PDB file of N, CA and C in Angstrom:
ATOM      1  N   MET A   1     215.810 120.544 111.170  1.00  0.00           N
ATOM      2  CA  MET A   1     215.478 119.761 112.310  1.00  0.00           C
ATOM      3  C   MET A   1     216.695 119.031 112.861  1.00  0.00           C
ATOM      4  N   VAL A   2     217.360 119.706 113.773  1.00  0.00           N
ATOM      5  CA  VAL A   2     217.742 118.429 114.201  1.00  0.00           C
ATOM      6  C   VAL A   2     218.293 117.059 114.881  1.00  0.00           C
ATOM      7  N   LYS A   3     219.026 115.676 115.046  1.00  0.00           N
ATOM      8  CA  LYS A   3     218.257 114.632 115.745  1.00  0.00           C
ATOM      9  C   LYS A   3     219.192 115.019 116.307  1.00  0.00           C
ATOM     10  N   GLU A   4     219.374 114.675 117.801  1.00  0.00           N
ATOM     11  CA  GLU A   4     219.500 113.873 118.994  1.00  0.00           C
ATOM     12  C   GLU A   4     220.180 112.587 119.042  1.00  0.00           C
ATOM     13  N   GLU A   5     221.250 112.319 118.461  1.00  0.00           N
ATOM     14  CA  GLU A   5     221.760 111.171 118.765  1.00  0.00           C
ATOM     15  C   GLU A   5     222.685 110.392 120.402  1.00  0.00           C
ATOM     16  N   LYS A   6     222.722 109.453 120.331  1.00  0.00           N
ATOM     17  CA  LYS A   6     224.101 108.741 121.248  1.00  0.00           C
ATOM     18  C   LYS A   6     225.093 108.480 120.028  1.00  0.00           C
ATOM     19  N   ARG A   7     226.328 108.809 121.190  1.00  0.00           N
ATOM     20  CA  ARG A   7     227.456 108.711 120.225  1.00  0.00           C
ATOM     21  C   ARG A   7     227.507 107.548 119.535  1.00  0.00           C
ATOM     22  N   GLU A   8     227.358 106.707 120.618  1.00  0.00           N
ATOM     23  CA  GLU A   8     227.210 104.967 120.136  1.00  0.00           C
ATOM     24  C   GLU A   8     227.039 104.640 118.632  1.00  0.00           C
ATOM     25  N   GLU A   9     226.199 105.560 118.170  1.00  0.00           N
ATOM     26  CA  GLU A   9     224.918 105.398 116.693  1.00  0.00           C
ATOM     27  C   GLU A   9     225.918 105.500 116.018  1.00  0.00           C
ATOM     28  N   ALA A  10     227.252 106.181 115.851  1.00  0.00           N
ATOM     29  CA  ALA A  10     227.664 106.646 115.279  1.00  0.00           C
ATOM     30  C   ALA A  10     228.153 105.510 114.338  1.00  0.00           C
ATOM     31  N   MET A  11     228.422 104.162 114.649  1.00  0.00           N
ATOM     32  CA  MET A  11     229.079 103.133 114.088  1.00  0.00           C
ATOM     33  C   MET A  11     228.331 102.599 113.125  1.00  0.00           C
ATOM     34  N   LYS A  12     226.568 102.439 113.245  1.00  0.00           N
ATOM     35  CA  LYS A  12     225.679 102.147 112.580  1.00  0.00           C
ATOM     36  C   LYS A  12     225.596 103.438 111.410  1.00  0.00           C
ATOM     37  N   TYR A  13     225.974 104.108 111.397  1.00  0.00           N
ATOM     38  CA  TYR A  13     225.815 105.224 109.871  1.00  0.00           C
ATOM     39  C   TYR A  13     227.025 104.948 109.472  1.00  0.00           C
ATOM     40  N   LEU A  14     228.095 104.240 110.220  1.00  0.00           N
ATOM     41  CA  LEU A  14     229.491 104.346 109.115  1.00  0.00           C
ATOM     42  C   LEU A  14     229.656 103.244 108.614  1.00  0.00           C
ATOM     43  N   ASN A  15     228.740 102.351 109.216  1.00  0.00           N
ATOM     44  CA  ASN A  15     228.473 100.799 108.549  1.00  0.00           C
ATOM     45  C   ASN A  15     227.399 100.548 107.812  1.00  0.00           C
ATOM     46  N   LYS A  16     226.617 101.598 107.256  1.00  0.00           N
ATOM     47  CA  LYS A  16     225.569 102.035 106.639  1.00  0.00           C
ATOM     48  C   LYS A  16     226.300 102.619 104.824  1.00  0.00           C
ATOM     49  N   ALA A  17     227.117 103.855 105.423  1.00  0.00           N
ATOM     50  CA  ALA A  17     228.230 104.520 104.071  1.00  0.00           C
ATOM     51  C   ALA A  17     229.052 103.324 103.672  1.00  0.00           C
ATOM     52  N   GLU A  18     229.325 102.134 104.324  1.00  0.00           N
ATOM     53  CA  GLU A  18     230.293 101.092 103.139  1.00  0.00           C
ATOM     54  C   GLU A  18     229.361 100.174 103.112  1.00  0.00           C
ATOM     55  N   GLU A  19     228.711 100.187 103.820  1.00  0.00           N
ATOM     56  CA  GLU A  19     227.228  99.145 101.925  1.00  0.00           C
ATOM     57  C   GLU A  19     227.444 100.457 101.603  1.00  0.00           C
ATOM     58  N   PHE A  20     226.414 101.254 101.029  1.00  0.00           N
ATOM     59  CA  PHE A  20     226.340 101.987 100.073  1.00  0.00           C
ATOM     60  C   PHE A  20     227.299 102.346  99.554  1.00  0.00           C
ATOM     61  N   LEU A  21     228.541 102.761  99.641  1.00  0.00           N
ATOM     62  CA  LEU A  21     229.856 102.694  98.959  1.00  0.00           C
ATOM     63  C   LEU A  21     230.240 101.124  97.906  1.00  0.00           C
ATOM     64  N   ALA A  22     229.429 100.047  98.731  1.00  0.00           N
ATOM     65  CA  ALA A  22     230.059  98.695  97.957  1.00  0.00           C
ATOM     66  C   ALA A  22     229.376  98.858  97.213  1.00  0.00           C
ATOM     67  N   ILE A  23     227.573  99.307  97.313  1.00  0.00           N
ATOM     68  CA  ILE A  23     227.016  99.169  96.363  1.00  0.00           C
ATOM     69  C   ILE A  23     227.329  99.387  95.291  1.00  0.00           C
ATOM     70  N   ALA A  24     227.765 101.181  95.083  1.00  0.00           N
ATOM     71  CA  ALA A  24     227.750 101.932  94.415  1.00  0.00           C
ATOM     72  C   ALA A  24     228.910 101.596  93.620  1.00  0.00           C
ATOM     73  N   LYS A  25     230.656 101.027  94.143  1.00  0.00           N
ATOM     74  CA  LYS A  25     230.853 100.140  93.068  1.00  0.00           C
ATOM     75  C   LYS A  25     230.542  99.017  91.956  1.00  0.00           C
ATOM     76  N   ILE A  26     229.850  98.340  92.620  1.00  0.00           N
ATOM     77  CA  ILE A  26     229.247  96.977  91.885  1.00  0.00           C
ATOM     78  C   ILE A  26     227.926  97.882  90.831  1.00  0.00           C
ATOM     79  N   ALA A  27     227.688  98.829  91.015  1.00  0.00           N
ATOM     80  CA  ALA A  27     227.549  99.984  90.437  1.00  0.00           C
ATOM     81  C   ALA A  27     228.004  99.698  89.156  1.00  0.00           C
ATOM     82  N   PHE A  28     228.724 100.714  89.686  1.00  0.00           N
ATOM     83  CA  PHE A  28     229.842 100.846  88.443  1.00  0.00           C
ATOM     84  C   PHE A  28     230.356 100.232  87.147  1.00  0.00           C
ATOM     85  N   GLN A  29     230.906  98.835  88.313  1.00  0.00           N
ATOM     86  CA  GLN A  29     231.512  98.176  87.315  1.00  0.00           C
ATOM     87  C   GLN A  29     230.055  97.856  86.444  1.00  0.00           C
ATOM     88  N   GLN A  30     229.247  97.793  86.793  1.00  0.00           N
ATOM     89  CA  GLN A  30     228.028  97.677  85.548  1.00  0.00           C
ATOM     90  C   GLN A  30     227.270  98.670  84.545  1.00  0.00           C
ATOM     91  N   ALA A  31     227.539  99.800  84.481  1.00  0.00           N
ATOM     92  CA  ALA A  31     227.659 100.491  83.957  1.00  0.00           C
ATOM     93  C   ALA A  31     227.224 101.218  84.076  1.00  0.00           C
ATOM     94  N   LYS A  32     226.145 101.201  85.340  1.00  0.00           N
ATOM     95  CA  LYS A  32     224.434 102.213  86.226  1.00  0.00           C
ATOM     96  C   LYS A  32     225.212 103.002  86.988  1.00  0.00           C
ATOM     97  N   SER A  33     226.029 104.271  85.634  1.00  0.00           N
ATOM     98  CA  SER A  33     226.284 105.691  86.137  1.00  0.00           C
ATOM     99  C   SER A  33     225.274 105.557  86.881  1.00  0.00           C
ATOM    100  N   ASN A  34     224.275 106.165  86.733  1.00  0.00           N
ATOM    101  CA  ASN A  34     223.217 107.419  87.686  1.00  0.00           C
ATOM    102  C   ASN A  34     222.680 106.913  89.121  1.00  0.00           C
ATOM    103  N   VAL A  35     222.781 104.911  88.941  1.00  0.00           N
ATOM    104  CA  VAL A  35     222.685 104.693  90.367  1.00  0.00           C
ATOM    105  C   VAL A  35     224.185 104.958  91.128  1.00  0.00           C
ATOM    106  N   ALA A  36     224.853 103.904  90.438  1.00  0.00           N
ATOM    107  CA  ALA A  36     226.495 105.069  91.168  1.00  0.00           C
ATOM    108  C   ALA A  36     226.717 106.444  92.230  1.00  0.00           C
ATOM    109  N   SER A  37     226.278 106.967  91.098  1.00  0.00           N
ATOM    110  CA  SER A  37     226.755 108.196  91.724  1.00  0.00           C
ATOM    111  C   SER A  37     225.531 108.593  92.823  1.00  0.00           C
ATOM    112  N   PHE A  38     224.510 108.959  92.556  1.00  0.00           N
ATOM    113  CA  PHE A  38     223.269 108.269  93.448  1.00  0.00           C
ATOM    114  C   PHE A  38     223.773 107.957  94.737  1.00  0.00           C
ATOM    115  N   VAL A  39     224.126 106.779  94.961  1.00  0.00           N
ATOM    116  CA  VAL A  39     224.908 105.541  95.702  1.00  0.00           C
ATOM    117  C   VAL A  39     225.498 106.202  96.731  1.00  0.00           C
ATOM    118  N   ALA A  40     226.952 106.866  95.424  1.00  0.00           N
ATOM    119  CA  ALA A  40     227.921 107.165  96.540  1.00  0.00           C
ATOM    120  C   ALA A  40     227.457 108.424  97.453  1.00  0.00           C
ATOM    121  N   ILE A  41     226.771 109.687  96.891  1.00  0.00           N
ATOM    122  CA  ILE A  41     226.751 110.243  97.552  1.00  0.00           C
ATOM    123  C   ILE A  41     225.273 109.711  98.204  1.00  0.00           C
ATOM    124  N   GLN A  42     225.397 108.939  98.693  1.00  0.00           N
ATOM    125  CA  GLN A  42     223.892 108.650 100.139  1.00  0.00           C
ATOM    126  C   GLN A  42     225.514 107.936 101.263  1.00  0.00           C
ATOM    127  N   ALA A  43     226.294 107.865 100.280  1.00  0.00           N
ATOM    128  CA  ALA A  43     227.441 107.113 101.383  1.00  0.00           C
ATOM    129  C   ALA A  43     228.071 108.525 102.370  1.00  0.00           C
ATOM    130  N   ILE A  44     228.733 109.411 101.378  1.00  0.00           N
ATOM    131  CA  ILE A  44     228.833 109.817 101.943  1.00  0.00           C
ATOM    132  C   ILE A  44     227.950 111.086 103.129  1.00  0.00           C
ATOM    133  N   ILE A  45     226.622 111.150 102.688  1.00  0.00           N
ATOM    134  CA  ILE A  45     225.952 111.187 103.804  1.00  0.00           C
ATOM    135  C   ILE A  45     225.634 110.770 104.769  1.00  0.00           C
ATOM    136  N   ASN A  46     226.141 109.401 104.821  1.00  0.00           N
ATOM    137  CA  ASN A  46     225.951 108.758 106.037  1.00  0.00           C
ATOM    138  C   ASN A  46     227.113 108.733 106.736  1.00  0.00           C
ATOM    139  N   ALA A  47     228.316 108.406 105.860  1.00  0.00           N
ATOM    140  CA  ALA A  47     229.588 108.630 106.930  1.00  0.00           C
ATOM    141  C   ALA A  47     229.746 110.267 108.019  1.00  0.00           C
ATOM    142  N   ASN A  48     228.890 111.290 107.161  1.00  0.00           N
ATOM    143  CA  ASN A  48     229.208 112.284 107.109  1.00  0.00           C
ATOM    144  C   ASN A  48     228.566 112.263 109.168  1.00  0.00           C
ATOM    145  N   ASP A  49     227.151 111.278 108.927  1.00  0.00           N
ATOM    146  CA  ASP A  49     226.885 111.891 109.695  1.00  0.00           C
ATOM    147  C   ASP A  49     227.178 110.964 111.303  1.00  0.00           C
ATOM    148  N   ALA A  50     227.818 109.987 110.480  1.00  0.00           N
ATOM    149  CA  ALA A  50     228.591 108.633 111.982  1.00  0.00           C
ATOM    150  C   ALA A  50     229.771 109.611 112.531  1.00  0.00           C
ATOM    151  N   LEU A  51     230.583 110.777 111.216  1.00  0.00           N
ATOM    152  CA  LEU A  51     231.418 112.112 112.707  1.00  0.00           C
ATOM    153  C   LEU A  51     230.745 112.400 112.963  1.00  0.00           C
ATOM    154  N   THR A  52     229.624 112.988 112.625  1.00  0.00           N
ATOM    155  CA  THR A  52     229.098 114.522 113.258  1.00  0.00           C
ATOM    156  C   THR A  52     228.140 113.288 114.399  1.00  0.00           C
ATOM    157  N   VAL A  53     227.926 112.972 114.523  1.00  0.00           N
ATOM    158  CA  VAL A  53     226.631 112.079 116.067  1.00  0.00           C
ATOM    159  C   VAL A  53     228.327 111.403 116.932  1.00  0.00           C
ATOM    160  N   PHE A  54     229.421 111.333 115.890  1.00  0.00           N
ATOM    161  CA  PHE A  54     230.478 110.645 117.435  1.00  0.00           C
ATOM    162  C   PHE A  54     231.038 112.150 117.485  1.00  0.00           C
ATOM    163  N   PHE A  55     231.310 112.583 117.089  1.00  0.00           N
ATOM    164  CA  PHE A  55     231.389 114.413 117.986  1.00  0.00           C
ATOM    165  C   PHE A  55     231.204 115.142 118.459  1.00  0.00           C
ATOM    166  N   LEU A  56     229.837 115.020 118.414  1.00  0.00           N
ATOM    167  CA  LEU A  56     228.284 116.288 118.196  1.00  0.00           C
ATOM    168  C   LEU A  56     226.920 115.437 118.221  1.00  0.00           C
ATOM    169  N   GLY A  57     227.128 114.252 118.903  1.00  0.00           N
ATOM    170  CA  GLY A  57     226.089 113.092 119.107  1.00  0.00           C
ATOM    171  C   GLY A  57     224.844 114.021 118.076  1.00  0.00           C
ATOM    172  N   LYS A  58     224.898 114.701 117.146  1.00  0.00           N
ATOM    173  CA  LYS A  58     224.188 114.618 116.519  1.00  0.00           C
ATOM    174  C   LYS A  58     223.835 115.051 115.001  1.00  0.00           C
ATOM    175  N   ARG A  59     223.159 115.113 114.438  1.00  0.00           N
ATOM    176  CA  ARG A  59     222.738 114.577 113.177  1.00  0.00           C
ATOM    177  C   ARG A  59     221.909 115.193 112.175  1.00  0.00           C
ATOM    178  N   ALA A  60     222.034 115.658 111.229  1.00  0.00           N
ATOM    179  CA  ALA A  60     220.522 116.900 110.610  1.00  0.00           C
ATOM    180  C   ALA A  60     220.017 115.732 109.949  1.00  0.00           C
ATOM    181  N   SER A  61     218.832 115.943 109.959  1.00  0.00           N
ATOM    182  CA  SER A  61     217.642 115.849 109.771  1.00  0.00           C
ATOM    183  C   SER A  61     216.720 116.727 108.145  1.00  0.00           C
ATOM    184  N   MET A  62     216.488 117.635 108.247  1.00  0.00           N
ATOM    185  CA  MET A  62     216.043 118.489 107.629  1.00  0.00           C
ATOM    186  C   MET A  62     216.584 118.992 106.369  1.00  0.00           C
ATOM    187  N   ASP A  63     217.068 119.242 106.123  1.00  0.00           N
ATOM    188  CA  ASP A  63     218.390 119.655 105.514  1.00  0.00           C
ATOM    189  C   ASP A  63     219.925 120.195 105.171  1.00  0.00           C
ATOM    190  N   HIS A  64     220.374 120.045 104.287  1.00  0.00           N
ATOM    191  CA  HIS A  64     221.394 119.710 103.484  1.00  0.00           C
ATOM    192  C   HIS A  64     222.452 120.502 104.107  1.00  0.00           C
ATOM    193  N   LYS A  65     221.946 122.198 104.679  1.00  0.00           N
ATOM    194  CA  LYS A  65     222.499 122.816 105.456  1.00  0.00           C
ATOM    195  C   LYS A  65     222.924 122.945 106.810  1.00  0.00           C
ATOM    196  N   GLU A  66     221.631 122.168 107.072  1.00  0.00           N
ATOM    197  CA  GLU A  66     221.723 121.567 108.321  1.00  0.00           C
ATOM    198  C   GLU A  66     223.163 120.493 108.782  1.00  0.00           C
ATOM    199  N   ALA A  67     223.776 119.855 108.086  1.00  0.00           N
ATOM    200  CA  ALA A  67     224.602 118.655 107.519  1.00  0.00           C
ATOM    201  C   ALA A  67     225.722 119.169 107.567  1.00  0.00           C
ATOM    202  N   ILE A  68     226.186 120.113 106.542  1.00  0.00           N
ATOM    203  CA  ILE A  68     227.465 121.113 105.646  1.00  0.00           C
ATOM    204  C   ILE A  68     227.166 122.071 107.773  1.00  0.00           C
ATOM    205  N   ASP A  69     225.952 122.736 108.785  1.00  0.00           N
ATOM    206  CA  ASP A  69     226.861 123.281 109.534  1.00  0.00           C
ATOM    207  C   ASP A  69     227.542 122.838 110.703  1.00  0.00           C
ATOM    208  N   MET A  70     226.604 121.390 110.792  1.00  0.00           N
ATOM    209  CA  MET A  70     227.552 120.248 110.994  1.00  0.00           C
ATOM    210  C   MET A  70     228.711 119.848 111.292  1.00  0.00           C
ATOM    211  N   HIS A  71     228.745 119.771 110.133  1.00  0.00           N
ATOM    212  CA  HIS A  71     230.510 119.054 109.259  1.00  0.00           C
ATOM    213  C   HIS A  71     231.886 120.044 109.944  1.00  0.00           C
ATOM    214  N   VAL A  72     230.993 121.771 110.124  1.00  0.00           N
ATOM    215  CA  VAL A  72     231.643 122.715 109.538  1.00  0.00           C
ATOM    216  C   VAL A  72     232.290 122.559 111.767  1.00  0.00           C
ATOM    217  N   GLU A  73     231.746 122.356 112.443  1.00  0.00           N
ATOM    218  CA  GLU A  73     231.238 122.959 113.562  1.00  0.00           C
ATOM    219  C   GLU A  73     232.418 121.619 114.353  1.00  0.00           C
ATOM    220  N   THR A  74     231.912 119.773 113.373  1.00  0.00           N
ATOM    221  CA  THR A  74     232.805 119.193 113.770  1.00  0.00           C
ATOM    222  C   THR A  74     234.644 118.860 113.550  1.00  0.00           C
ATOM    223  N   VAL A  75     234.899 119.477 112.296  1.00  0.00           N
ATOM    224  CA  VAL A  75     235.940 119.645 111.323  1.00  0.00           C
ATOM    225  C   VAL A  75     236.787 121.262 111.800  1.00  0.00           C
ATOM    226  N   ARG A  76     236.005 121.011 113.425  1.00  0.00           N
ATOM    227  CA  ARG A  76     236.684 122.694 113.583  1.00  0.00           C
ATOM    228  C   ARG A  76     237.626 121.591 114.894  1.00  0.00           C
ATOM    229  N   LYS A  77     236.578 120.981 115.248  1.00  0.00           N
ATOM    230  CA  LYS A  77     236.833 119.642 116.406  1.00  0.00           C
ATOM    231  C   LYS A  77     238.166 119.468 116.554  1.00  0.00           C
ATOM    232  N   ILE A  78     238.132 118.875 115.404  1.00  0.00           N
ATOM    233  CA  ILE A  78     239.366 117.224 114.775  1.00  0.00           C
ATOM    234  C   ILE A  78     240.246 118.491 114.402  1.00  0.00           C
ATOM    235  N   GLN A  79     239.763 119.878 113.811  1.00  0.00           N
ATOM    236  CA  GLN A  79     241.217 121.228 113.340  1.00  0.00           C
ATOM    237  C   GLN A  79     241.697 119.841 111.688  1.00  0.00           C
ATOM    238  N   ASP A  80     240.430 119.211 111.083  1.00  0.00           N
ATOM    239  CA  ASP A  80     240.527 119.068 109.484  1.00  0.00           C
ATOM    240  C   ASP A  80     239.497 118.770 108.910  1.00  0.00           C
ATOM    241  N   SER A  81     239.739 119.826 108.349  1.00  0.00           N
ATOM    242  CA  SER A  81     238.852 120.002 107.201  1.00  0.00           C
ATOM    243  C   SER A  81     238.481 120.190 105.293  1.00  0.00           C
ATOM    244  N   SER A  82     239.846 118.871 105.612  1.00  0.00           N
ATOM    245  CA  SER A  82     240.649 118.348 104.226  1.00  0.00           C
ATOM    246  C   SER A  82     238.656 117.849 103.195  1.00  0.00           C
ATOM    247  N   MET A  83     238.240 117.542 104.276  1.00  0.00           N
ATOM    248  CA  MET A  83     237.229 116.424 102.778  1.00  0.00           C
ATOM    249  C   MET A  83     235.426 116.797 103.026  1.00  0.00           C
ATOM    250  N   ARG A  84     235.607 118.499 103.526  1.00  0.00           N
ATOM    251  CA  ARG A  84     234.409 120.089 103.058  1.00  0.00           C
ATOM    252  C   ARG A  84     234.381 120.048 102.015  1.00  0.00           C
ATOM    253  N   SER A  85     234.927 119.587 100.860  1.00  0.00           N
ATOM    254  CA  SER A  85     234.643 120.121  99.546  1.00  0.00           C
ATOM    255  C   SER A  85     233.213 118.841  99.189  1.00  0.00           C
ATOM    256  N   ILE A  86     234.455 117.760  99.379  1.00  0.00           N
ATOM    257  CA  ILE A  86     233.178 116.438  98.279  1.00  0.00           C
ATOM    258  C   ILE A  86     232.332 116.409  99.358  1.00  0.00           C
ATOM    259  N   LEU A  87     232.077 116.685 100.501  1.00  0.00           N
ATOM    260  CA  LEU A  87     230.373 117.133 101.345  1.00  0.00           C
ATOM    261  C   LEU A  87     229.982 117.929 100.940  1.00  0.00           C
ATOM    262  N   HIS A  88     230.318 119.139 100.636  1.00  0.00           N
ATOM    263  CA  HIS A  88     229.080 120.135  99.545  1.00  0.00           C
ATOM    264  C   HIS A  88     229.258 119.474  98.656  1.00  0.00           C
ATOM    265  N   SER A  89     230.839 119.692  97.486  1.00  0.00           N
ATOM    266  CA  SER A  89     229.140 119.155  96.630  1.00  0.00           C
ATOM    267  C   SER A  89     228.826 118.065  96.393  1.00  0.00           C
ATOM    268  N   ALA A  90     228.606 117.316  97.053  1.00  0.00           N
ATOM    269  CA  ALA A  90     228.111 115.979  96.983  1.00  0.00           C
ATOM    270  C   ALA A  90     226.444 115.999  97.158  1.00  0.00           C
ATOM    271  N   LEU A  91     226.431 117.375  98.081  1.00  0.00           N
ATOM    272  CA  LEU A  91     225.245 117.613  98.850  1.00  0.00           C
ATOM    273  C   LEU A  91     223.802 118.673  97.602  1.00  0.00           C
ATOM    274  N   SER A  92     225.535 119.038  96.796  1.00  0.00           N
ATOM    275  CA  SER A  92     224.429 120.342  96.597  1.00  0.00           C
ATOM    276  C   SER A  92     224.657 119.537  94.762  1.00  0.00           C
ATOM    277  N   SER A  93     224.325 118.528  94.636  1.00  0.00           N
ATOM    278  CA  SER A  93     224.421 117.457  93.495  1.00  0.00           C
ATOM    279  C   SER A  93     223.551 116.409  93.790  1.00  0.00           C
ATOM    280  N   ARG A  94     222.763 116.178  94.979  1.00  0.00           N
ATOM    281  CA  ARG A  94     221.914 114.941  94.746  1.00  0.00           C
ATOM    282  C   ARG A  94     221.368 115.112  94.326  1.00  0.00           C
ATOM    283  N   SER A  95     219.902 115.648  94.639  1.00  0.00           N
ATOM    284  CA  SER A  95     218.707 116.207  94.296  1.00  0.00           C
ATOM    285  C   SER A  95     219.039 116.002  92.607  1.00  0.00           C
ATOM    286  N   GLU A  96     219.802 116.451  92.250  1.00  0.00           N
ATOM    287  CA  GLU A  96     219.804 116.851  90.677  1.00  0.00           C
ATOM    288  C   GLU A  96     220.289 115.305  90.032  1.00  0.00           C
ATOM    289  N   VAL A  97     221.198 115.084  90.160  1.00  0.00           N
ATOM    290  CA  VAL A  97     221.430 112.918  90.193  1.00  0.00           C
ATOM    291  C   VAL A  97     220.530 111.845  90.224  1.00  0.00           C
ATOM    292  N   GLY A  98     219.514 112.047  91.331  1.00  0.00           N
ATOM    293  CA  GLY A  98     218.535 111.251  92.092  1.00  0.00           C
ATOM    294  C   GLY A  98     217.176 111.639  91.643  1.00  0.00           C
ATOM    295  N   TYR A  99     216.984 112.968  91.181  1.00  0.00           N
ATOM    296  CA  TYR A  99     215.409 113.337  91.057  1.00  0.00           C
ATOM    297  C   TYR A  99     215.202 114.244  89.405  1.00  0.00           C
ATOM    298  N   SER A 100     216.050 114.082  88.872  1.00  0.00           N
ATOM    299  CA  SER A 100     215.762 115.084  87.703  1.00  0.00           C
ATOM    300  C   SER A 100     216.531 113.775  86.518  1.00  0.00           C
ATOM    301  N   GLY A 101     215.921 114.777  85.255  1.00  0.00           N
ATOM    302  CA  GLY A 101     216.515 114.071  84.357  1.00  0.00           C
ATOM    303  C   GLY A 101     217.842 114.260  83.391  1.00  0.00           C
ATOM    304  N   LYS A 102     218.449 114.438  84.785  1.00  0.00           N
ATOM    305  CA  LYS A 102     220.308 114.380  84.263  1.00  0.00           C
ATOM    306  C   LYS A 102     220.278 113.000  84.422  1.00  0.00           C
ATOM    307  N   VAL A 103     221.146 112.443  82.793  1.00  0.00           N
ATOM    308  CA  VAL A 103     222.247 111.664  83.450  1.00  0.00           C
ATOM    309  C   VAL A 103     223.396 111.506  83.244  1.00  0.00           C
ATOM    310  N   VAL A 104     224.282 110.669  84.330  1.00  0.00           N
ATOM    311  CA  VAL A 104     225.419 111.098  85.040  1.00  0.00           C
ATOM    312  C   VAL A 104     226.424 110.426  83.993  1.00  0.00           C
ATOM    313  N   LYS A 105     227.582 110.674  83.360  1.00  0.00           N
ATOM    314  CA  LYS A 105     228.463 110.520  82.326  1.00  0.00           C
ATOM    315  C   LYS A 105     229.360 109.139  83.426  1.00  0.00           C
ATOM    316  N   LYS A 106     229.738 108.210  82.823  1.00  0.00           N
ATOM    317  CA  LYS A 106     230.514 107.459  83.291  1.00  0.00           C
ATOM    318  C   LYS A 106     231.755 108.172  84.271  1.00  0.00           C
ATOM    319  N   GLU A 107     232.241 109.206  83.232  1.00  0.00           N
ATOM    320  CA  GLU A 107     233.298 110.316  83.536  1.00  0.00           C
ATOM    321  C   GLU A 107     232.889 110.374  84.882  1.00  0.00           C
ATOM    322  N   GLU A 108     231.643 111.449  85.634  1.00  0.00           N
ATOM    323  CA  GLU A 108     231.502 111.718  86.665  1.00  0.00           C
ATOM    324  C   GLU A 108     230.912 110.980  87.697  1.00  0.00           C
ATOM    325  N   ALA A 109     230.338 110.214  86.994  1.00  0.00           N
ATOM    326  CA  ALA A 109     230.383 108.526  87.977  1.00  0.00           C
ATOM    327  C   ALA A 109     231.627 108.319  89.087  1.00  0.00           C
ATOM    328  N   GLY A 110     232.068 108.189  88.506  1.00  0.00           N
ATOM    329  CA  GLY A 110     233.639 108.084  88.718  1.00  0.00           C
ATOM    330  C   GLY A 110     233.831 108.361  89.679  1.00  0.00           C
ATOM    331  N   ASN A 111     234.443 109.859  89.420  1.00  0.00           N
ATOM    332  CA  ASN A 111     234.364 111.083  90.228  1.00  0.00           C
ATOM    333  C   ASN A 111     233.700 110.848  91.402  1.00  0.00           C
ATOM    334  N   PHE A 112     231.653 110.806  91.157  1.00  0.00           N
ATOM    335  CA  PHE A 112     231.499 110.591  92.962  1.00  0.00           C
ATOM    336  C   PHE A 112     232.597 109.362  93.928  1.00  0.00           C
ATOM    337  N   LEU A 113     232.369 108.659  92.912  1.00  0.00           N
ATOM    338  CA  LEU A 113     233.166 107.003  93.734  1.00  0.00           C
ATOM    339  C   LEU A 113     234.251 107.271  93.854  1.00  0.00           C
ATOM    340  N   ARG A 114     235.309 108.562  93.255  1.00  0.00           N
ATOM    341  CA  ARG A 114     236.045 108.266  94.015  1.00  0.00           C
ATOM    342  C   ARG A 114     236.080 108.823  95.640  1.00  0.00           C
ATOM    343  N   ASP A 115     235.061 110.580  95.397  1.00  0.00           N
ATOM    344  CA  ASP A 115     234.591 111.101  96.137  1.00  0.00           C
ATOM    345  C   ASP A 115     234.917 110.092  97.201  1.00  0.00           C
ATOM    346  N   ALA A 116     233.733 109.533  97.299  1.00  0.00           N
ATOM    347  CA  ALA A 116     232.345 108.888  98.127  1.00  0.00           C
ATOM    348  C   ALA A 116     233.751 107.426  98.931  1.00  0.00           C
ATOM    349  N   THR A 117     234.287 106.909  97.939  1.00  0.00           N
ATOM    350  CA  THR A 117     235.687 105.890  98.589  1.00  0.00           C
ATOM    351  C   THR A 117     237.284 107.405  99.620  1.00  0.00           C
ATOM    352  N   ARG A 118     237.168 108.228  98.952  1.00  0.00           N
ATOM    353  CA  ARG A 118     237.888 109.017 100.150  1.00  0.00           C
ATOM    354  C   ARG A 118     237.431 109.599 101.323  1.00  0.00           C
ATOM    355  N   PHE A 119     235.868 109.892 100.842  1.00  0.00           N
ATOM    356  CA  PHE A 119     235.624 110.388 102.385  1.00  0.00           C
ATOM    357  C   PHE A 119     235.203 109.973 103.119  1.00  0.00           C
ATOM    358  N   VAL A 120     234.314 108.330 102.145  1.00  0.00           N
ATOM    359  CA  VAL A 120     234.712 107.190 104.611  1.00  0.00           C
ATOM    360  C   VAL A 120     235.707 107.107 104.394  1.00  0.00           C
ATOM    361  N   GLU A 121     236.859 106.541 103.781  1.00  0.00           N
ATOM    362  CA  GLU A 121     238.048 106.388 104.775  1.00  0.00           C
ATOM    363  C   GLU A 121     238.911 107.205 105.628  1.00  0.00           C
ATOM    364  N   TRP A 122     238.643 108.350 105.091  1.00  0.00           N
ATOM    365  CA  TRP A 122     238.963 109.372 106.212  1.00  0.00           C
ATOM    366  C   TRP A 122     238.049 109.522 107.535  1.00  0.00           C
ATOM    367  N   VAL A 123     237.068 109.244 106.930  1.00  0.00           N
ATOM    368  CA  VAL A 123     235.183 109.206 108.733  1.00  0.00           C
ATOM    369  C   VAL A 123     235.934 108.094 109.715  1.00  0.00           C
ATOM    370  N   LYS A 124     236.148 106.963 108.799  1.00  0.00           N
ATOM    371  CA  LYS A 124     236.816 105.775 109.538  1.00  0.00           C
ATOM    372  C   LYS A 124     237.963 106.220 110.605  1.00  0.00           C
ATOM    373  N   LYS A 125     238.802 107.438 109.717  1.00  0.00           N
ATOM    374  CA  LYS A 125     239.846 107.636 110.449  1.00  0.00           C
ATOM    375  C   LYS A 125     240.069 107.955 112.287  1.00  0.00           C
ATOM    376  N   TYR A 126     238.691 108.556 112.327  1.00  0.00           N
ATOM    377  CA  TYR A 126     238.139 109.809 113.470  1.00  0.00           C
ATOM    378  C   TYR A 126     237.076 108.775 114.030  1.00  0.00           C
ATOM    379  N   VAL A 127     236.172 108.066 113.380  1.00  0.00           N
ATOM    380  CA  VAL A 127     235.511 107.275 114.406  1.00  0.00           C
ATOM    381  C   VAL A 127     235.741 106.354 113.787  1.00  0.00           C
ATOM    382  N   LYS A 128     235.648 105.273 115.725  1.00  0.00           N
ATOM    383  CA  LYS A 128     235.959 104.004 116.051  1.00  0.00           C
ATOM    384  C   LYS A 128     235.753 103.818 116.992  1.00  0.00           C
TER     385      LYS A 128
END
């Protein structure tokens, strides 16, 4: 179920995304690949929430399919789908990274961190 939000609330989600990203970087530097990966994914999710709240006045609240659908709707408006694959990859990896017995390798954690950094910076271009 989609949750309605006021456009002004978008910055709260963007700020949270930046906080998660900062913690992901620290965890990565401390060789905590599992934490770095999961928190980087959370940064992407919050940044996407900021984007959809800013442009659509709503965010996903139930499942990742909603988040992807709203992202697609948003990128049609802004005509920039360059980060869609990052969001899709993050959402499809979240459960495995955070809730399974999978151990994330350093290289994979670095990829999540790189993607999260790119995604958050991309959202910052649009959400002001």
